[in-house]
N, C-alpha and C. Protein backbone atom coordinates (compact mmCIF):
# COMPACT_ATOMS: atom_id res chain seq x y z
N MET A 1 -30.20 -17.30 26.78
CA MET A 1 -29.47 -17.73 25.50
C MET A 1 -28.82 -19.17 25.77
N THR A 2 -29.06 -20.07 24.89
CA THR A 2 -28.43 -21.40 25.25
C THR A 2 -27.01 -21.45 24.77
N ARG A 3 -26.26 -22.55 25.26
CA ARG A 3 -24.83 -22.66 24.91
C ARG A 3 -24.62 -22.72 23.53
N GLY A 4 -25.56 -23.33 22.73
CA GLY A 4 -25.22 -23.51 21.37
C GLY A 4 -25.51 -22.07 20.45
N SER A 5 -26.31 -21.14 21.03
CA SER A 5 -26.42 -19.83 20.35
C SER A 5 -25.20 -19.10 20.74
N ARG A 6 -24.84 -19.09 22.07
CA ARG A 6 -23.57 -18.53 22.45
C ARG A 6 -22.46 -18.82 21.63
N THR A 7 -22.37 -20.14 21.59
CA THR A 7 -21.03 -20.76 20.76
C THR A 7 -21.11 -20.24 19.28
N LEU A 8 -22.34 -20.18 18.69
CA LEU A 8 -22.55 -19.71 17.49
C LEU A 8 -22.08 -18.24 17.30
N LEU A 9 -22.47 -17.37 18.19
CA LEU A 9 -22.12 -15.97 18.02
C LEU A 9 -20.73 -15.76 18.38
N PHE A 10 -20.07 -16.58 19.25
CA PHE A 10 -18.64 -16.51 19.68
C PHE A 10 -17.85 -16.92 18.17
N VAL A 11 -18.19 -17.93 17.66
CA VAL A 11 -17.67 -18.52 16.35
C VAL A 11 -17.82 -17.42 15.22
N LEU A 12 -18.83 -16.70 15.09
CA LEU A 12 -19.06 -15.62 14.17
C LEU A 12 -18.15 -14.52 14.35
N ALA A 13 -18.36 -14.19 15.78
CA ALA A 13 -17.41 -12.86 16.16
C ALA A 13 -15.96 -13.18 15.78
N ALA A 14 -15.40 -14.34 16.30
CA ALA A 14 -14.05 -14.61 16.18
C ALA A 14 -13.69 -14.84 14.83
N THR A 15 -14.54 -15.27 13.91
CA THR A 15 -14.12 -15.36 12.52
C THR A 15 -14.14 -13.99 11.84
N ALA A 16 -15.10 -13.13 12.16
CA ALA A 16 -15.11 -11.61 11.72
C ALA A 16 -13.80 -11.11 12.16
N ALA A 17 -13.37 -11.21 13.51
CA ALA A 17 -12.20 -10.62 13.96
C ALA A 17 -10.91 -11.28 13.23
N ASN A 18 -11.09 -12.47 12.91
CA ASN A 18 -9.76 -13.13 12.07
C ASN A 18 -9.59 -12.49 10.71
N ILE A 19 -10.72 -12.37 10.04
CA ILE A 19 -10.78 -11.63 8.79
C ILE A 19 -10.36 -10.30 8.89
N LEU A 20 -10.71 -9.50 9.71
CA LEU A 20 -10.31 -7.97 9.86
C LEU A 20 -8.86 -8.00 10.19
N ILE A 21 -8.28 -8.89 11.08
CA ILE A 21 -6.80 -8.83 11.25
C ILE A 21 -6.10 -9.22 10.22
N THR A 22 -6.63 -10.24 9.44
CA THR A 22 -5.76 -10.50 8.18
C THR A 22 -5.98 -9.50 7.10
N ALA A 23 -6.90 -8.70 7.07
CA ALA A 23 -7.10 -7.67 6.00
C ALA A 23 -6.15 -6.53 6.55
N ALA A 24 -6.11 -6.22 7.77
CA ALA A 24 -5.25 -5.10 8.25
C ALA A 24 -3.82 -5.49 8.13
N ALA A 25 -3.50 -6.80 8.37
CA ALA A 25 -2.02 -7.11 8.26
C ALA A 25 -1.62 -7.16 6.84
N PHE A 26 -2.63 -7.59 5.86
CA PHE A 26 -2.27 -7.61 4.46
C PHE A 26 -1.95 -6.07 3.98
N VAL A 27 -2.81 -5.00 4.38
CA VAL A 27 -2.63 -3.59 3.96
C VAL A 27 -1.51 -3.22 4.58
N LEU A 28 -1.01 -3.57 5.83
CA LEU A 28 0.00 -3.07 6.47
C LEU A 28 1.31 -3.48 5.78
N LEU A 29 1.34 -4.80 5.41
CA LEU A 29 2.49 -5.28 4.67
C LEU A 29 2.65 -4.85 3.25
N LEU A 30 1.60 -4.60 2.58
CA LEU A 30 1.70 -3.84 1.26
C LEU A 30 2.14 -2.45 1.38
N VAL A 31 1.74 -1.73 2.51
CA VAL A 31 2.32 -0.30 2.59
C VAL A 31 3.79 -0.48 2.92
N LEU A 32 4.24 -1.34 3.76
CA LEU A 32 5.65 -1.61 3.96
C LEU A 32 6.40 -1.87 2.78
N TYR A 33 5.87 -2.79 2.01
CA TYR A 33 6.52 -3.11 0.80
C TYR A 33 6.58 -1.92 -0.27
N GLY A 34 5.60 -1.08 -0.39
CA GLY A 34 5.52 0.13 -1.30
C GLY A 34 6.42 1.15 -0.66
N LEU A 35 6.75 1.26 0.64
CA LEU A 35 7.74 2.23 1.11
C LEU A 35 9.14 1.67 1.13
N SER A 36 9.43 0.48 0.95
CA SER A 36 10.64 -0.05 0.90
C SER A 36 11.02 -0.66 -0.52
N LEU A 37 10.74 -1.99 -0.64
CA LEU A 37 11.19 -2.56 -1.90
C LEU A 37 10.40 -2.16 -3.06
N GLY A 38 9.30 -1.62 -2.97
CA GLY A 38 8.51 -1.24 -4.10
C GLY A 38 9.04 -0.02 -4.74
N ARG A 39 9.88 0.79 -4.21
CA ARG A 39 10.66 1.94 -4.86
C ARG A 39 11.91 1.47 -5.44
N ILE A 40 12.53 0.13 -5.10
CA ILE A 40 13.62 -0.22 -5.76
C ILE A 40 13.26 -1.21 -6.93
N LEU A 41 12.45 -2.16 -6.66
CA LEU A 41 12.10 -3.33 -7.73
C LEU A 41 11.30 -2.78 -8.72
N PRO A 42 11.49 -3.46 -9.89
CA PRO A 42 10.68 -2.98 -11.12
C PRO A 42 9.14 -3.42 -10.79
N PRO A 43 8.14 -2.69 -11.59
CA PRO A 43 6.66 -2.94 -11.33
C PRO A 43 6.35 -4.31 -11.60
N GLY A 44 7.14 -5.12 -12.37
CA GLY A 44 6.72 -6.44 -12.62
C GLY A 44 7.04 -7.45 -11.56
N ALA A 45 7.71 -6.90 -10.47
CA ALA A 45 8.03 -7.78 -9.47
C ALA A 45 6.92 -7.65 -8.32
N ALA A 46 5.93 -6.87 -8.64
CA ALA A 46 4.93 -6.67 -7.64
C ALA A 46 4.16 -7.89 -7.32
N ALA A 47 3.84 -8.65 -8.40
CA ALA A 47 2.89 -9.80 -8.02
C ALA A 47 3.49 -10.70 -7.13
N PRO A 48 4.66 -11.30 -7.14
CA PRO A 48 5.27 -12.12 -5.98
C PRO A 48 5.14 -11.58 -4.79
N ALA A 49 5.60 -10.17 -4.71
CA ALA A 49 5.56 -9.58 -3.42
C ALA A 49 4.07 -9.40 -2.74
N ILE A 50 3.08 -9.23 -3.70
CA ILE A 50 1.64 -9.34 -3.05
C ILE A 50 1.44 -10.75 -2.54
N ILE A 51 1.69 -11.79 -3.44
CA ILE A 51 1.47 -13.20 -2.84
C ILE A 51 2.11 -13.39 -1.53
N LEU A 52 3.35 -12.94 -1.38
CA LEU A 52 4.07 -13.19 -0.15
C LEU A 52 3.53 -12.37 0.96
N CYS A 53 2.99 -11.20 0.66
CA CYS A 53 2.19 -10.39 1.72
C CYS A 53 0.99 -11.01 2.15
N PHE A 54 0.29 -11.54 1.17
CA PHE A 54 -0.95 -12.30 1.70
C PHE A 54 -0.71 -13.52 2.44
N ILE A 55 0.23 -14.22 2.08
CA ILE A 55 0.63 -15.50 2.93
C ILE A 55 1.16 -15.11 4.11
N ALA A 56 1.99 -13.98 4.42
CA ALA A 56 2.33 -13.55 5.62
C ALA A 56 1.26 -12.98 6.53
N ALA A 57 0.34 -12.32 5.81
CA ALA A 57 -0.89 -11.87 6.58
C ALA A 57 -1.77 -12.86 7.17
N VAL A 58 -1.96 -14.06 6.34
CA VAL A 58 -2.63 -15.26 6.86
C VAL A 58 -2.05 -15.87 8.07
N LEU A 59 -0.55 -16.06 7.87
CA LEU A 59 0.16 -16.58 9.12
C LEU A 59 0.20 -15.73 10.27
N LEU A 60 0.29 -14.50 10.09
CA LEU A 60 0.22 -13.49 11.23
C LEU A 60 -1.00 -13.54 11.87
N SER A 61 -2.13 -13.50 11.06
CA SER A 61 -3.33 -13.60 11.61
C SER A 61 -3.71 -14.76 12.46
N ALA A 62 -3.42 -15.90 11.83
CA ALA A 62 -3.47 -17.23 12.61
C ALA A 62 -2.63 -17.13 13.90
N PHE A 63 -1.56 -16.68 14.02
CA PHE A 63 -0.88 -16.56 15.20
C PHE A 63 -1.47 -15.54 16.34
N VAL A 64 -2.03 -14.51 15.79
CA VAL A 64 -2.74 -13.57 16.55
C VAL A 64 -4.01 -14.17 17.16
N TYR A 65 -4.66 -14.88 16.28
CA TYR A 65 -6.00 -15.48 16.57
C TYR A 65 -5.85 -16.45 17.77
N LYS A 66 -4.85 -17.52 17.53
CA LYS A 66 -4.59 -18.43 18.59
C LYS A 66 -4.03 -17.78 19.91
N LYS A 67 -3.36 -16.80 20.01
CA LYS A 67 -2.82 -16.19 21.11
C LYS A 67 -4.07 -15.43 21.83
N GLY A 68 -4.83 -14.73 20.93
CA GLY A 68 -6.05 -14.14 21.48
C GLY A 68 -7.06 -15.04 22.10
N LEU A 69 -7.24 -16.41 21.37
CA LEU A 69 -8.16 -17.20 21.91
C LEU A 69 -7.65 -17.80 23.14
N ASP A 70 -6.53 -18.00 23.31
CA ASP A 70 -5.93 -18.65 24.55
C ASP A 70 -6.11 -17.62 25.61
N TRP A 71 -5.93 -16.37 25.37
CA TRP A 71 -5.99 -15.30 26.39
C TRP A 71 -7.52 -15.19 26.94
N ALA A 72 -8.41 -15.23 25.82
CA ALA A 72 -9.86 -15.21 26.18
C ALA A 72 -10.27 -16.19 26.97
N ARG A 73 -9.75 -17.47 26.48
CA ARG A 73 -10.20 -18.74 27.22
C ARG A 73 -9.93 -18.63 28.49
N LYS A 74 -8.73 -18.23 29.11
CA LYS A 74 -8.21 -18.00 30.46
C LYS A 74 -9.04 -16.97 31.26
N LYS A 75 -9.22 -15.79 30.47
CA LYS A 75 -9.86 -14.71 31.30
C LYS A 75 -11.25 -14.82 31.54
N TRP A 76 -12.09 -15.50 30.51
CA TRP A 76 -13.46 -15.45 30.80
C TRP A 76 -13.94 -16.86 30.89
N ARG A 77 -13.08 -17.83 31.05
CA ARG A 77 -13.37 -19.19 31.15
C ARG A 77 -14.43 -19.76 30.09
N LEU A 78 -13.98 -19.58 28.97
CA LEU A 78 -14.95 -19.90 27.74
C LEU A 78 -15.38 -21.38 27.82
N GLU A 79 -14.54 -22.24 28.26
CA GLU A 79 -15.00 -23.75 28.31
C GLU A 79 -16.36 -23.82 29.06
N GLU A 80 -16.41 -23.16 30.12
CA GLU A 80 -17.72 -23.25 30.87
C GLU A 80 -18.89 -22.64 30.35
N LYS A 81 -18.56 -21.33 29.76
CA LYS A 81 -19.71 -20.57 29.09
C LYS A 81 -20.26 -21.13 27.73
N LEU A 82 -19.43 -21.54 27.00
CA LEU A 82 -19.63 -22.04 25.59
C LEU A 82 -19.77 -23.46 25.43
N GLY A 83 -19.26 -24.26 26.42
CA GLY A 83 -19.47 -25.74 26.25
C GLY A 83 -18.71 -26.55 25.55
N PHE A 84 -17.52 -26.07 25.11
CA PHE A 84 -16.51 -26.79 24.46
C PHE A 84 -15.19 -26.68 25.01
N SER A 85 -14.27 -27.76 24.74
CA SER A 85 -12.92 -27.70 25.36
C SER A 85 -11.94 -28.14 24.12
N PRO A 86 -10.99 -27.50 23.86
CA PRO A 86 -10.16 -27.84 22.76
C PRO A 86 -9.40 -29.10 23.02
N LYS A 87 -9.05 -29.29 24.32
CA LYS A 87 -8.34 -30.62 24.73
C LYS A 87 -9.25 -31.81 24.93
N ARG A 88 -9.08 -32.85 24.21
CA ARG A 88 -10.02 -34.02 24.27
C ARG A 88 -9.21 -34.99 25.40
N ASP A 89 -9.60 -35.26 26.49
CA ASP A 89 -8.88 -36.12 27.41
C ASP A 89 -9.50 -37.61 27.22
């Protein structure tokens, strides 16, 4: 397997993982909203809460993605195996 194909598979897997993390965080935040503020606020206030949950889920998944990528880069020496380096000297 060439470096290019390994890189492509890594990018596809990392993208799929990021989408799954975003979806899980979004559902978790919506459940938390439903169990807390959703019981107090009127139904008309749900739209802004859903937007805020989505934005928070995207930010949370970006943070988890970066930390996970840093961890994987150190553990498996990804620069050597995939042929890219995030730091340009």
